Amino acid sequence: MVEFQRIDTKQSRWLLDVTITVFIEFKTEADIERMIKIMKAKILIVDDTKFMREVLRDIFVSNGYEVVAEAGDGEEAVHLFKIHKPNLVTMDITMPEMNGISALIEIKKIDPDAIVIMCSAMAQKGLVLDAIMAGAKDFIVKPFNKDRVIETINNVLSR
């Protein structure tokens, strides 16, 4: 549907309101439930670098996700997890105060089903394995590739 509405008669300015309907075919109700779960996900971003948090926030928001909070270290992450109860956490590994693996362990004590994805540099392969052993569901590598981030998020949320 397309609607035009004059908003300024003196300057002949118009407001164009466009509604787009998209049809997606799902084969089962489980597919529908999975898609709803993915699109309604609330995310907590944890990274000690503000720029990295902003990059992830932009990726998530531009793909329809809600970022409920951001933390700059592991202690803040655990505190915000208790308050916001997000569906998913992205967690940097190397941070001050409390590192990502320690924060992951604390979050898993609060909610054993918590979905945490670790963020790491390529040189941190050993730490990524430690994080997976501690309960992380997956990892994404810095610098972030937008498509890989979204693919990873969708994969872990649809399990």
Protein backbone atom coordinates (compact mmCIF):
# COMPACT_ATOMS: atom_id res chain seq x y z
CA MET A 1 0.00 0.00 0.00
CA VAL A 2 1.25 3.48 -0.85
CA GLU A 3 -0.21 6.66 0.62
CA PHE A 4 0.63 10.28 -0.09
CA GLN A 5 -0.13 12.99 2.41
CA ARG A 6 0.57 16.70 1.94
CA ILE A 7 2.50 17.92 4.99
CA ASP A 8 3.28 21.48 3.92
CA THR A 9 0.90 23.27 1.56
CA LYS A 10 3.18 26.28 1.06
CA GLN A 11 6.20 24.30 -0.11
CA SER A 12 4.32 21.36 -1.66
CA ARG A 13 6.06 18.87 0.59
CA TRP A 14 4.57 15.40 0.78
CA LEU A 15 4.93 12.46 3.13
CA LEU A 16 5.16 9.11 1.39
CA ASP A 17 4.02 6.19 3.54
CA VAL A 18 4.86 2.78 2.09
CA THR A 19 3.80 -0.52 3.61
CA ILE A 20 5.55 -3.61 2.31
CA THR A 21 4.16 -7.07 2.85
CA VAL A 22 6.60 -9.97 2.70
CA PHE A 23 5.44 -13.55 2.40
CA ILE A 24 7.71 -16.26 3.78
CA GLU A 25 6.73 -19.88 3.46
CA PHE A 26 7.44 -22.10 6.46
CA LYS A 27 7.14 -25.85 6.23
CA THR A 28 6.35 -26.51 9.89
CA GLU A 29 5.19 -24.71 13.01
CA ALA A 30 8.62 -25.42 14.50
CA ASP A 31 10.16 -23.33 11.67
CA ILE A 32 7.82 -20.47 12.54
CA GLU A 33 8.65 -20.70 16.25
CA ARG A 34 12.38 -20.75 15.46
CA MET A 35 12.10 -17.62 13.30
CA ILE A 36 10.10 -15.79 15.98
CA LYS A 37 12.68 -16.76 18.61
CA ILE A 38 15.50 -15.48 16.41
CA MET A 39 13.85 -12.16 15.56
CA LYS A 40 12.78 -11.40 19.14
CA ALA A 41 16.21 -12.08 20.61
CA LYS A 42 17.51 -9.63 23.21
CA ILE A 43 21.28 -9.29 23.18
CA LEU A 44 23.89 -8.24 25.75
CA ILE A 45 27.18 -7.08 24.18
CA VAL A 46 30.33 -7.41 26.30
CA ASP A 47 33.65 -5.95 25.17
CA ASP A 48 36.14 -3.65 26.88
CA THR A 49 36.55 -1.65 23.66
CA LYS A 50 33.70 0.77 23.04
CA PHE A 51 34.36 0.76 19.30
CA MET A 52 33.87 -3.03 19.13
CA ARG A 53 30.61 -2.75 21.09
CA GLU A 54 29.43 -0.10 18.61
CA VAL A 55 30.33 -2.30 15.63
CA LEU A 56 28.35 -5.22 17.06
CA ARG A 57 25.45 -2.97 18.05
CA ASP A 58 25.23 -1.63 14.47
CA ILE A 59 25.26 -5.17 13.04
CA PHE A 60 22.54 -6.37 15.43
CA VAL A 61 20.25 -3.35 15.20
CA SER A 62 20.47 -3.20 11.40
CA ASN A 63 19.34 -6.85 11.33
CA GLY A 64 16.35 -6.38 13.61
CA TYR A 65 17.78 -7.51 16.94
CA GLU A 66 17.35 -5.63 20.20
CA VAL A 67 20.49 -4.79 22.16
CA VAL A 68 19.31 -4.56 25.78
CA ALA A 69 22.64 -3.63 27.36
CA GLU A 70 26.39 -3.28 26.87
CA ALA A 71 29.17 -4.06 29.33
CA GLY A 72 32.85 -3.10 29.36
CA ASP A 73 34.09 -5.97 31.54
CA GLY A 74 33.10 -9.36 32.91
CA GLU A 75 31.83 -8.15 36.29
CA GLU A 76 29.50 -5.65 34.64
CA ALA A 77 28.38 -8.38 32.23
CA VAL A 78 27.33 -10.70 35.05
CA HIS A 79 25.48 -7.86 36.78
CA LEU A 80 23.65 -6.82 33.57
CA PHE A 81 22.84 -10.45 32.74
CA LYS A 82 20.97 -10.76 36.05
CA ILE A 83 19.00 -7.59 35.36
CA HIS A 84 18.15 -7.99 31.65
CA LYS A 85 18.11 -11.79 31.22
CA PRO A 86 19.09 -11.58 27.54
CA ASN A 87 18.52 -14.41 25.07
CA LEU A 88 22.11 -14.12 23.89
CA VAL A 89 25.42 -12.68 25.08
CA THR A 90 28.43 -11.80 22.92
CA MET A 91 31.50 -11.92 25.17
CA ASP A 92 35.02 -10.69 24.53
CA ILE A 93 37.60 -13.03 26.01
CA THR A 94 40.31 -10.62 27.14
CA MET A 95 38.98 -7.87 29.44
CA PRO A 96 39.98 -6.13 32.69
CA GLU A 97 38.44 -6.86 36.10
CA MET A 98 36.97 -10.22 35.09
CA ASN A 99 37.86 -11.89 31.79
CA GLY A 100 35.30 -13.34 29.41
CA ILE A 101 35.79 -16.97 30.41
CA SER A 102 35.31 -16.19 34.10
CA ALA A 103 32.21 -14.14 33.27
CA LEU A 104 30.90 -17.01 31.12
CA ILE A 105 31.30 -19.41 34.04
CA GLU A 106 29.44 -17.03 36.38
CA ILE A 107 26.62 -16.52 33.86
CA LYS A 108 26.28 -20.29 33.41
CA LYS A 109 25.89 -20.60 37.21
CA ILE A 110 22.98 -18.14 37.01
CA ASP A 111 21.43 -19.75 33.93
CA PRO A 112 22.86 -23.07 32.70
CA ASP A 113 20.97 -22.61 29.41
CA ALA A 114 22.43 -19.15 28.71
CA ILE A 115 23.60 -18.68 25.14
CA VAL A 116 27.03 -17.05 25.07
CA ILE A 117 29.10 -16.48 21.95
CA MET A 118 32.74 -15.61 22.51
CA CYS A 119 34.53 -12.91 20.53
CA SER A 120 38.23 -13.37 19.96
CA ALA A 121 41.23 -12.45 17.89
CA MET A 122 42.74 -15.20 15.74
CA ALA A 123 45.69 -15.53 18.13
CA GLN A 124 43.41 -16.66 20.98
CA LYS A 125 42.57 -20.16 19.70
CA GLY A 126 43.52 -21.82 22.99
CA LEU A 127 41.29 -19.46 24.95
CA VAL A 128 38.41 -20.08 22.54
CA LEU A 129 38.69 -23.82 23.23
CA ASP A 130 38.68 -23.11 26.97
CA ALA A 131 35.52 -21.02 26.50
CA ILE A 132 33.78 -23.76 24.51
CA MET A 133 34.66 -26.24 27.27
CA ALA A 134 33.17 -23.78 29.81
CA GLY A 135 29.88 -23.65 27.92
CA ALA A 136 30.15 -21.08 25.11
CA LYS A 137 27.92 -22.04 22.18
CA ASP A 138 30.15 -20.62 19.44
CA PHE A 139 32.66 -17.87 18.68
CA ILE A 140 33.15 -15.03 16.25
CA VAL A 141 36.53 -13.71 15.20
CA LYS A 142 37.68 -10.09 15.26
CA PRO A 143 37.64 -8.09 13.09
CA PHE A 144 33.95 -8.86 12.69
CA ASN A 145 32.49 -10.00 9.38
CA LYS A 146 28.84 -8.89 9.39
CA ASP A 147 27.55 -11.96 7.53
CA ARG A 148 29.47 -14.36 9.77
CA VAL A 149 28.18 -12.60 12.91
CA ILE A 150 24.54 -12.84 11.79
CA GLU A 151 24.96 -16.44 10.60
CA THR A 152 26.42 -17.42 13.97
CA ILE A 153 23.68 -15.63 15.92
CA ASN A 154 20.93 -17.24 13.84
CA ASN A 155 22.51 -20.68 14.15
CA VAL A 156 22.82 -20.65 17.94
CA LEU A 157 19.36 -19.13 18.46
CA SER A 158 17.68 -21.69 16.23
CA ARG A 159 19.07 -24.72 18.10
